[in-house]
Amino acid sequence: MMLEFGRDVISDIARLIAGEIALSDNPGKVMRKWREFFEISQAELAERLGTTPSVISDYESGRRRSPGAHFIKKFVTTLITIEMERGGKRLELLMRQLRLSDRFLVAVIDMIDFERPVPFEKFVEAIEGKVVVPPDVQKVDIHGYTIVDSIRLILEVSPQDYFRLYGSTTERAAIFTNVKYGRSPLVAIHSLLAFTDLKPAVVVLHGISEPDQLGVEIAKRDKIPLVVTQMNISDMIRNLRKLGSLFELA
């Protein structure tokens, strides 16, 4: 189903992406991030841009000098056009993020995108986690994480606004602190899946040793890996940032 978007919303999203590329010290990396966010291959993007996949690869790897304003505009327009032709679900995600108030930020403790994907096993090891529901596929990479205070999230943010957990990529860990049973975060995420296929790469419940059984069943049914940890928050953030740096240099 094709979603409807106003011209102003599309313009805001285009400016957001173009501005991030233009102002970045590594514009090729940001170009790759947005291409992967919209799940567009280098070959498809190159064909629509009238160029070759090697040109896209050269930009993303930094082998080609930074793109000019004309190319950035054409790049962003093409990404959005392809996404709209596919139905616009990821545009809807960005639209919701742009329209949200700053209330969500009150609940955020830390939110980072890794430079390089981190294997699921290394991520779990870094937070001294225990896997309650394992991934249903052999290889899972974590591209970033969002740590939120679940009490503030419940009090300040509606479940529909949980889209902000994903940041710029859905392949990230959603880490919930201040958890008593671990049921509410998974119920909220489950409710989102009624109208979108976007979900975290892993849900982490902090501060409990055993999650609520309903939460476990939801994670199994929705095929969301579930991990619990009792690691000190400060130590966990330090470990995760160090982990991201290690893989950045890998």
Protein backbone atom coordinates (compact mmCIF):
# COMPACT_ATOMS: atom_id res chain seq x y z
CA MET A 1 0.00 0.00 0.00
CA MET A 2 1.36 3.42 -1.01
CA LEU A 3 1.49 5.82 1.94
CA GLU A 4 0.61 9.49 1.43
CA PHE A 5 3.18 12.15 2.33
CA GLY A 6 2.87 15.92 2.08
CA ARG A 7 5.38 17.87 0.03
CA ASP A 8 6.63 19.71 3.14
CA VAL A 9 7.32 16.42 4.94
CA ILE A 10 9.28 15.05 1.99
CA SER A 11 11.26 18.30 1.78
CA ASP A 12 12.09 18.12 5.50
CA ILE A 13 13.32 14.54 5.16
CA ALA A 14 15.36 15.40 2.06
CA ARG A 15 16.99 18.35 3.86
CA LEU A 16 17.73 16.13 6.86
CA ILE A 17 19.56 13.54 4.75
CA ALA A 18 21.31 16.01 2.46
CA GLY A 19 22.43 18.15 5.37
CA GLU A 20 23.89 15.20 7.23
CA ILE A 21 25.85 14.17 4.13
CA ALA A 22 27.11 17.67 3.34
CA LEU A 23 28.18 18.47 6.91
CA SER A 24 29.83 15.12 7.64
CA ASP A 25 33.60 14.69 7.81
CA ASN A 26 33.00 11.39 6.02
CA PRO A 27 30.13 11.99 3.58
CA GLY A 28 30.61 8.62 1.86
CA LYS A 29 29.94 6.80 5.13
CA VAL A 30 26.72 8.79 5.62
CA MET A 31 25.67 8.06 2.03
CA ARG A 32 26.14 4.35 2.69
CA LYS A 33 24.16 4.58 5.93
CA TRP A 34 21.14 6.12 4.21
CA ARG A 35 21.33 3.78 1.22
CA GLU A 36 21.33 0.81 3.59
CA PHE A 37 18.57 2.37 5.70
CA PHE A 38 16.32 2.37 2.63
CA GLU A 39 17.59 -1.13 1.69
CA ILE A 40 18.68 -0.08 -1.80
CA SER A 41 21.54 -1.92 -3.48
CA GLN A 42 24.48 -0.10 -5.04
CA ALA A 43 23.49 -1.57 -8.40
CA GLU A 44 19.88 -0.32 -8.24
CA LEU A 45 20.92 3.11 -7.03
CA ALA A 46 23.61 3.42 -9.72
CA GLU A 47 21.16 2.48 -12.45
CA ARG A 48 18.66 5.11 -11.33
CA LEU A 49 21.42 7.73 -11.06
CA GLY A 50 22.75 6.89 -14.51
CA THR A 51 26.15 5.83 -13.21
CA THR A 52 27.93 2.61 -12.23
CA PRO A 53 28.01 0.65 -8.93
CA SER A 54 31.76 1.27 -8.75
CA VAL A 55 31.13 5.02 -8.57
CA ILE A 56 28.76 4.54 -5.64
CA SER A 57 31.26 2.20 -3.99
CA ASP A 58 34.07 4.73 -4.48
CA TYR A 59 32.02 7.48 -2.81
CA GLU A 60 31.03 5.25 0.11
CA SER A 61 34.57 4.01 0.70
CA GLY A 62 36.13 7.45 0.44
CA ARG A 63 38.16 6.57 -2.65
CA ARG A 64 36.38 9.33 -4.58
CA ARG A 65 36.43 12.90 -3.29
CA SER A 66 33.36 14.29 -1.56
CA PRO A 67 30.31 14.65 -3.81
CA GLY A 68 29.16 18.11 -4.83
CA ALA A 69 25.82 19.68 -4.00
CA HIS A 70 24.30 18.64 -7.33
CA PHE A 71 25.16 14.96 -6.83
CA ILE A 72 23.97 14.99 -3.21
CA LYS A 73 20.61 16.44 -4.27
CA LYS A 74 20.23 13.83 -7.01
CA PHE A 75 21.32 11.06 -4.62
CA VAL A 76 18.80 12.03 -1.94
CA THR A 77 15.97 12.55 -4.43
CA THR A 78 16.61 9.10 -5.92
CA LEU A 79 16.62 7.41 -2.51
CA ILE A 80 13.28 9.00 -1.63
CA THR A 81 11.76 8.25 -5.03
CA ILE A 82 12.66 4.56 -4.83
CA GLU A 83 11.36 4.36 -1.27
CA MET A 84 8.04 5.96 -2.23
CA GLU A 85 7.66 3.52 -5.12
CA ARG A 86 8.08 0.70 -2.59
CA GLY A 87 5.34 2.00 -0.32
CA GLY A 88 7.19 4.45 1.93
CA LYS A 89 7.34 2.57 5.24
CA ARG A 90 10.80 3.90 6.05
CA LEU A 91 9.74 7.39 5.09
CA GLU A 92 6.90 7.00 7.57
CA LEU A 93 9.47 6.09 10.22
CA LEU A 94 11.46 9.25 9.50
CA MET A 95 8.31 11.34 9.37
CA ARG A 96 7.29 10.17 12.82
CA GLN A 97 10.74 10.98 14.18
CA LEU A 98 10.61 14.50 12.76
CA ARG A 99 7.17 15.17 14.22
CA LEU A 100 7.91 13.93 17.71
CA SER A 101 8.49 16.38 20.53
CA ASP A 102 11.59 16.39 22.70
CA ARG A 103 9.79 14.33 25.33
CA PHE A 104 11.39 11.20 23.94
CA LEU A 105 14.85 12.60 24.65
CA VAL A 106 14.00 12.80 28.36
CA ALA A 107 13.88 8.99 28.43
CA VAL A 108 17.11 8.48 26.47
CA ILE A 109 20.22 7.60 28.48
CA ASP A 110 22.54 6.90 25.56
CA MET A 111 22.10 6.44 21.80
CA ILE A 112 24.92 5.60 19.38
CA ASP A 113 25.42 4.13 15.90
CA PHE A 114 28.48 1.88 15.55
CA GLU A 115 30.94 2.65 12.77
CA ARG A 116 31.02 -1.04 11.88
CA PRO A 117 28.44 -3.78 12.65
CA VAL A 118 29.11 -5.66 15.88
CA PRO A 119 28.38 -9.42 15.98
CA PHE A 120 25.53 -10.37 18.30
CA GLU A 121 27.77 -12.60 20.42
CA LYS A 122 30.31 -9.82 21.02
CA PHE A 123 27.53 -7.40 21.92
CA VAL A 124 26.07 -9.81 24.50
CA GLU A 125 29.53 -10.46 25.95
CA ALA A 126 30.20 -6.72 26.31
CA ILE A 127 27.08 -6.20 28.45
CA GLU A 128 27.52 -9.47 30.41
CA GLY A 129 24.14 -10.48 29.11
CA LYS A 130 22.17 -13.71 29.26
CA VAL A 131 20.33 -14.73 26.11
CA VAL A 132 16.72 -15.61 26.92
CA VAL A 133 15.42 -15.79 23.35
CA PRO A 134 18.18 -16.46 20.80
CA PRO A 135 18.16 -15.09 17.24
CA ASP A 136 16.28 -17.23 14.75
CA VAL A 137 19.01 -16.74 12.15
CA GLN A 138 22.67 -17.74 12.29
CA LYS A 139 24.21 -14.29 11.87
CA VAL A 140 22.96 -11.13 13.56
CA ASP A 141 24.88 -7.86 13.51
CA ILE A 142 24.19 -4.91 15.79
CA HIS A 143 24.60 -1.50 14.14
CA GLY A 144 23.98 0.63 17.22
CA TYR A 145 22.02 0.88 20.44
CA THR A 146 19.53 3.04 22.30
CA ILE A 147 19.35 2.93 26.09
CA VAL A 148 16.14 4.31 27.59
CA ASP A 149 14.64 4.62 31.04
CA SER A 150 11.52 2.47 30.68
CA ILE A 151 9.59 4.33 33.41
CA ARG A 152 10.12 7.70 31.75
CA LEU A 153 9.36 6.15 28.39
CA ILE A 154 6.01 4.88 29.65
CA LEU A 155 5.11 8.16 31.39
CA GLU A 156 6.32 10.60 28.74
CA VAL A 157 6.09 8.82 25.39
CA SER A 158 3.20 7.07 23.65
CA PRO A 159 3.89 3.52 22.38
CA GLN A 160 3.44 4.71 18.80
CA ASP A 161 6.43 7.01 19.30
CA TYR A 162 8.74 4.10 20.10
CA PHE A 163 9.93 4.52 16.50
CA ARG A 164 12.53 6.87 17.96
CA LEU A 165 14.27 3.83 19.48
CA TYR A 166 15.55 2.95 16.03
CA GLY A 167 17.51 6.12 15.37
CA SER A 168 18.81 5.93 11.82
CA THR A 169 18.77 2.14 11.61
CA THR A 170 16.46 -0.62 12.82
CA GLU A 171 19.39 -3.04 13.16
CA ARG A 172 20.17 -1.82 16.65
CA ALA A 173 19.71 -2.91 20.24
CA ALA A 174 16.85 -1.41 22.24
CA ILE A 175 18.05 -1.45 25.86
CA PHE A 176 15.44 -0.79 28.55
CA THR A 177 16.57 0.17 32.06
CA ASN A 178 14.47 0.63 35.19
CA VAL A 179 12.62 -2.56 34.31
CA LYS A 180 10.57 -4.45 36.89
CA TYR A 181 9.09 -7.30 34.87
CA GLY A 182 10.14 -6.64 31.28
CA ARG A 183 6.66 -7.00 29.87
CA SER A 184 5.74 -3.43 28.87
CA PRO A 185 8.56 -2.74 26.37
CA LEU A 186 7.84 -5.91 24.44
CA VAL A 187 4.09 -5.29 24.47
CA ALA A 188 4.70 -1.81 23.03
CA ILE A 189 7.02 -3.10 20.32
CA HIS A 190 4.54 -5.87 19.50
CA SER A 191 1.79 -3.26 19.04
CA LEU A 192 3.93 -1.46 16.44
CA LEU A 193 4.25 -4.62 14.37
CA ALA A 194 0.54 -4.45 13.62
CA PHE A 195 1.27 -1.72 11.05
CA THR A 196 5.02 -1.95 10.32
CA ASP A 197 7.67 -4.64 9.88
CA LEU A 198 10.33 -2.56 11.65
CA LYS A 199 11.69 -4.02 14.88
CA PRO A 200 14.91 -3.91 16.93
CA ALA A 201 17.73 -6.35 16.19
CA VAL A 202 17.66 -7.27 19.90
CA VAL A 203 15.81 -6.16 23.02
CA VAL A 204 17.82 -5.95 26.24
CA LEU A 205 16.13 -5.76 29.63
CA HIS A 206 18.42 -4.26 32.24
CA GLY A 207 18.26 -4.94 35.96
CA ILE A 208 16.40 -8.26 36.03
CA SER A 209 17.60 -11.86 35.94
CA GLU A 210 14.42 -13.42 34.58
CA PRO A 211 11.89 -11.57 32.40
CA ASP A 212 8.14 -11.90 32.61
CA GLN A 213 6.91 -14.97 30.77
CA LEU A 214 4.52 -12.95 28.63
CA GLY A 215 7.45 -10.84 27.45
CA VAL A 216 9.37 -14.00 26.58
CA GLU A 217 6.44 -15.38 24.58
CA ILE A 218 6.05 -12.10 22.69
CA ALA A 219 9.76 -12.09 21.84
CA LYS A 220 9.54 -15.67 20.58
CA ARG A 221 6.41 -15.02 18.51
CA ASP A 222 7.78 -11.81 16.98
CA LYS A 223 11.23 -13.39 16.49
CA ILE A 224 13.02 -10.70 18.47
CA PRO A 225 16.19 -11.81 20.29
CA LEU A 226 15.83 -11.11 24.02
CA VAL A 227 18.70 -10.57 26.44
CA VAL A 228 18.80 -9.67 30.14
CA THR A 229 21.68 -8.06 32.03
CA GLN A 230 22.37 -6.72 35.50
CA MET A 231 25.56 -4.93 34.59
CA ASN A 232 26.10 -1.46 36.03
CA ILE A 233 24.77 1.12 33.55
CA SER A 234 27.95 3.21 33.51
CA ASP A 235 30.08 0.12 32.92
CA MET A 236 27.74 -1.05 30.18
CA ILE A 237 27.90 2.26 28.33
CA ARG A 238 31.69 2.34 28.64
CA ASN A 239 31.97 -1.23 27.31
CA LEU A 240 29.62 -0.59 24.40
CA ARG A 241 31.41 2.58 23.35
CA LYS A 242 34.73 0.78 23.57
CA LEU A 243 33.27 -2.11 21.58
CA GLY A 244 32.12 0.28 18.87
CA SER A 245 35.59 1.84 18.72
CA LEU A 246 37.26 -1.55 18.40
CA PHE A 247 35.10 -2.50 15.45
CA GLU A 248 35.57 0.95 13.96
CA LEU A 249 39.29 0.18 13.74
CA ALA A 250 38.82 -3.39 12.57
